[in-house]
Amino acid sequence: MTDQDEDLVERRAVRAQEKLVKQQEGQQAMDEHLAALERQKEKTLRLRELRHALEAEKMQTAVKAKPATKRAGQL
């Protein structure tokens, strides 16, 4: 093998290694992005649960308060 051939093989190996590193970095970035989306989804679901619980609590409070208001109006 000539020096030119060796240089060519070495350059190809370096390029292949660089390409692999870029792919791995891209995969890592995608994994981090997906993890962030999953965390956001969990927060959103938790907020939705809290909102529903608050609405249910408001409704219960309103139902309990209504009869007392009617009784006060009848006096």
Foldseek 3Di string as FASTA:
>chain_A
DDPVVVVVVVVVVVVVVVVVVVVVVVVVVVVVVVVVVVVVVVVVVVVVVVVVVVVVVVVVVCVVVVVVVVVVVVD
